[in-house]
Amino acid sequence: MLPNLLTPLETQLLLARRFKTMRLTAGYKRETLALRAGVSEASLKRFEISGEISLKSLLQLAHALGRLQEFTDMFQPPEAETLAELKARTSKRIPLRGRI
């Protein structure tokens, strides 16, 4: 797996540009999509310009554009490469909090 060369801020701005492109491709004005998603137009505008948005609002916007599934696929554990690895994962207790 290649390391990600983007900073968090660069990733924010990249996602904002991609989202704006998706909105325009779908033919929505900011006002229309904001209303459809149940977020303020100001929040949508701020997101498209700066990448700043709450997770809840981002998920509502993604849902309004039919792209929510992309978020549910995030943070999945990597696939086990062996049967032994799979068995070890399923029998291992997941800690309730971090230690470090």
C-alpha atoms as a PDB file:
ATOM      1  CA  MET A   1       0.000   0.000   0.000  1.00  0.00           C
ATOM      2  CA  LEU A   2       1.397   3.385  -0.974  1.00  0.00           C
ATOM      3  CA  PRO A   3       1.573   6.113   1.674  1.00  0.00           C
ATOM      4  CA  ASN A   4      -0.845   9.001   1.296  1.00  0.00           C
ATOM      5  CA  LEU A   5       1.127  12.062   0.269  1.00  0.00           C
ATOM      6  CA  LEU A   6      -1.708  14.508   0.950  1.00  0.00           C
ATOM      7  CA  THR A   7      -2.060  16.424   4.192  1.00  0.00           C
ATOM      8  CA  PRO A   8      -5.422  16.510   5.983  1.00  0.00           C
ATOM      9  CA  LEU A   9      -6.016  20.052   4.669  1.00  0.00           C
ATOM     10  CA  GLU A  10      -5.176  19.042   1.099  1.00  0.00           C
ATOM     11  CA  THR A  11      -7.544  16.081   1.440  1.00  0.00           C
ATOM     12  CA  GLN A  12     -10.296  18.406   2.727  1.00  0.00           C
ATOM     13  CA  LEU A  13      -9.910  20.706  -0.249  1.00  0.00           C
ATOM     14  CA  LEU A  14      -9.765  17.795  -2.698  1.00  0.00           C
ATOM     15  CA  LEU A  15     -13.014  16.362  -1.305  1.00  0.00           C
ATOM     16  CA  ALA A  16     -14.651  19.785  -1.456  1.00  0.00           C
ATOM     17  CA  ARG A  17     -13.690  20.230  -5.132  1.00  0.00           C
ATOM     18  CA  ARG A  18     -14.914  16.728  -5.985  1.00  0.00           C
ATOM     19  CA  PHE A  19     -18.183  17.313  -4.162  1.00  0.00           C
ATOM     20  CA  LYS A  20     -18.803  20.596  -5.963  1.00  0.00           C
ATOM     21  CA  THR A  21     -18.151  18.859  -9.287  1.00  0.00           C
ATOM     22  CA  MET A  22     -20.652  16.121  -8.350  1.00  0.00           C
ATOM     23  CA  ARG A  23     -23.257  18.721  -7.371  1.00  0.00           C
ATOM     24  CA  LEU A  24     -22.847  20.638 -10.625  1.00  0.00           C
ATOM     25  CA  THR A  25     -22.838  17.447 -12.705  1.00  0.00           C
ATOM     26  CA  ALA A  26     -26.130  16.477 -11.049  1.00  0.00           C
ATOM     27  CA  GLY A  27     -27.450  19.913 -12.012  1.00  0.00           C
ATOM     28  CA  TYR A  28     -28.148  21.217  -8.514  1.00  0.00           C
ATOM     29  CA  LYS A  29     -27.830  24.803  -7.371  1.00  0.00           C
ATOM     30  CA  ARG A  30     -26.417  25.136  -3.847  1.00  0.00           C
ATOM     31  CA  GLU A  31     -29.798  26.316  -2.589  1.00  0.00           C
ATOM     32  CA  THR A  32     -31.618  23.290  -4.017  1.00  0.00           C
ATOM     33  CA  LEU A  33     -29.171  20.677  -2.736  1.00  0.00           C
ATOM     34  CA  ALA A  34     -28.949  22.288   0.702  1.00  0.00           C
ATOM     35  CA  LEU A  35     -32.734  22.233   1.005  1.00  0.00           C
ATOM     36  CA  ARG A  36     -32.928  18.658  -0.238  1.00  0.00           C
ATOM     37  CA  ALA A  37     -30.225  17.533   2.212  1.00  0.00           C
ATOM     38  CA  GLY A  38     -31.552  19.488   5.195  1.00  0.00           C
ATOM     39  CA  VAL A  39     -28.391  21.568   5.683  1.00  0.00           C
ATOM     40  CA  SER A  40     -27.956  25.296   5.469  1.00  0.00           C
ATOM     41  CA  GLU A  41     -26.839  26.809   2.211  1.00  0.00           C
ATOM     42  CA  ALA A  42     -24.088  28.585   4.160  1.00  0.00           C
ATOM     43  CA  SER A  43     -22.726  25.235   5.385  1.00  0.00           C
ATOM     44  CA  LEU A  44     -22.681  23.880   1.849  1.00  0.00           C
ATOM     45  CA  LYS A  45     -20.959  26.984   0.525  1.00  0.00           C
ATOM     46  CA  ARG A  46     -18.356  26.893   3.318  1.00  0.00           C
ATOM     47  CA  PHE A  47     -17.686  23.224   2.557  1.00  0.00           C
ATOM     48  CA  GLU A  48     -17.216  23.796  -1.156  1.00  0.00           C
ATOM     49  CA  ILE A  49     -14.854  26.712  -0.544  1.00  0.00           C
ATOM     50  CA  SER A  50     -12.826  25.611   2.483  1.00  0.00           C
ATOM     51  CA  GLY A  51     -13.589  21.925   2.989  1.00  0.00           C
ATOM     52  CA  GLU A  52     -14.983  22.695   6.471  1.00  0.00           C
ATOM     53  CA  ILE A  53     -18.211  20.849   7.372  1.00  0.00           C
ATOM     54  CA  SER A  54     -19.612  18.709  10.159  1.00  0.00           C
ATOM     55  CA  LEU A  55     -19.673  14.988   9.572  1.00  0.00           C
ATOM     56  CA  LYS A  56     -23.454  14.937   9.991  1.00  0.00           C
ATOM     57  CA  SER A  57     -23.936  17.593   7.304  1.00  0.00           C
ATOM     58  CA  LEU A  58     -21.491  15.867   4.958  1.00  0.00           C
ATOM     59  CA  LEU A  59     -23.381  12.599   5.318  1.00  0.00           C
ATOM     60  CA  GLN A  60     -26.704  14.353   4.672  1.00  0.00           C
ATOM     61  CA  LEU A  61     -25.282  15.944   1.511  1.00  0.00           C
ATOM     62  CA  ALA A  62     -23.830  12.628   0.337  1.00  0.00           C
ATOM     63  CA  HIS A  63     -27.207  10.977   0.918  1.00  0.00           C
ATOM     64  CA  ALA A  64     -28.964  13.667  -1.117  1.00  0.00           C
ATOM     65  CA  LEU A  65     -26.602  12.915  -4.032  1.00  0.00           C
ATOM     66  CA  GLY A  66     -26.953   9.131  -3.663  1.00  0.00           C
ATOM     67  CA  ARG A  67     -23.338   8.668  -2.502  1.00  0.00           C
ATOM     68  CA  LEU A  68     -23.809   7.677   1.159  1.00  0.00           C
ATOM     69  CA  GLN A  69     -22.610   4.099   0.532  1.00  0.00           C
ATOM     70  CA  GLU A  70     -19.083   5.400  -0.030  1.00  0.00           C
ATOM     71  CA  PHE A  71     -18.953   6.438   3.630  1.00  0.00           C
ATOM     72  CA  THR A  72     -20.288   3.153   4.991  1.00  0.00           C
ATOM     73  CA  ASP A  73     -17.385   1.385   3.283  1.00  0.00           C
ATOM     74  CA  MET A  74     -14.770   3.497   5.110  1.00  0.00           C
ATOM     75  CA  PHE A  75     -12.644   2.196   7.988  1.00  0.00           C
ATOM     76  CA  GLN A  76     -13.223  -1.455   7.188  1.00  0.00           C
ATOM     77  CA  PRO A  77     -10.540  -3.767   8.598  1.00  0.00           C
ATOM     78  CA  PRO A  78      -8.234  -5.198   5.958  1.00  0.00           C
ATOM     79  CA  GLU A  79      -9.195  -8.609   4.640  1.00  0.00           C
ATOM     80  CA  ALA A  80      -7.560 -11.558   6.359  1.00  0.00           C
ATOM     81  CA  GLU A  81      -4.917 -13.208   4.188  1.00  0.00           C
ATOM     82  CA  THR A  82      -5.029 -16.599   5.911  1.00  0.00           C
ATOM     83  CA  LEU A  83      -7.596 -18.691   7.739  1.00  0.00           C
ATOM     84  CA  ALA A  84      -5.461 -18.500  10.882  1.00  0.00           C
ATOM     85  CA  GLU A  85      -5.496 -14.692  10.730  1.00  0.00           C
ATOM     86  CA  LEU A  86      -9.269 -14.696  10.348  1.00  0.00           C
ATOM     87  CA  LYS A  87      -9.697 -17.042  13.338  1.00  0.00           C
ATOM     88  CA  ALA A  88      -7.358 -14.909  15.443  1.00  0.00           C
ATOM     89  CA  ARG A  89      -9.345 -11.765  14.637  1.00  0.00           C
ATOM     90  CA  THR A  90     -12.698 -13.268  15.506  1.00  0.00           C
ATOM     91  CA  SER A  91     -11.489 -14.708  18.815  1.00  0.00           C
ATOM     92  CA  LYS A  92      -9.577 -11.593  19.885  1.00  0.00           C
ATOM     93  CA  ARG A  93     -11.398  -9.256  22.279  1.00  0.00           C
ATOM     94  CA  ILE A  94     -11.627  -5.657  21.046  1.00  0.00           C
ATOM     95  CA  PRO A  95     -10.488  -3.227  23.760  1.00  0.00           C
ATOM     96  CA  LEU A  96     -13.021  -0.706  25.018  1.00  0.00           C
ATOM     97  CA  ARG A  97     -10.420   2.068  25.229  1.00  0.00           C
ATOM     98  CA  GLY A  98      -6.874   2.839  24.187  1.00  0.00           C
ATOM     99  CA  ARG A  99      -3.848   2.418  26.452  1.00  0.00           C
ATOM    100  CA  ILE A 100      -1.444   5.001  25.074  1.00  0.00           C
END
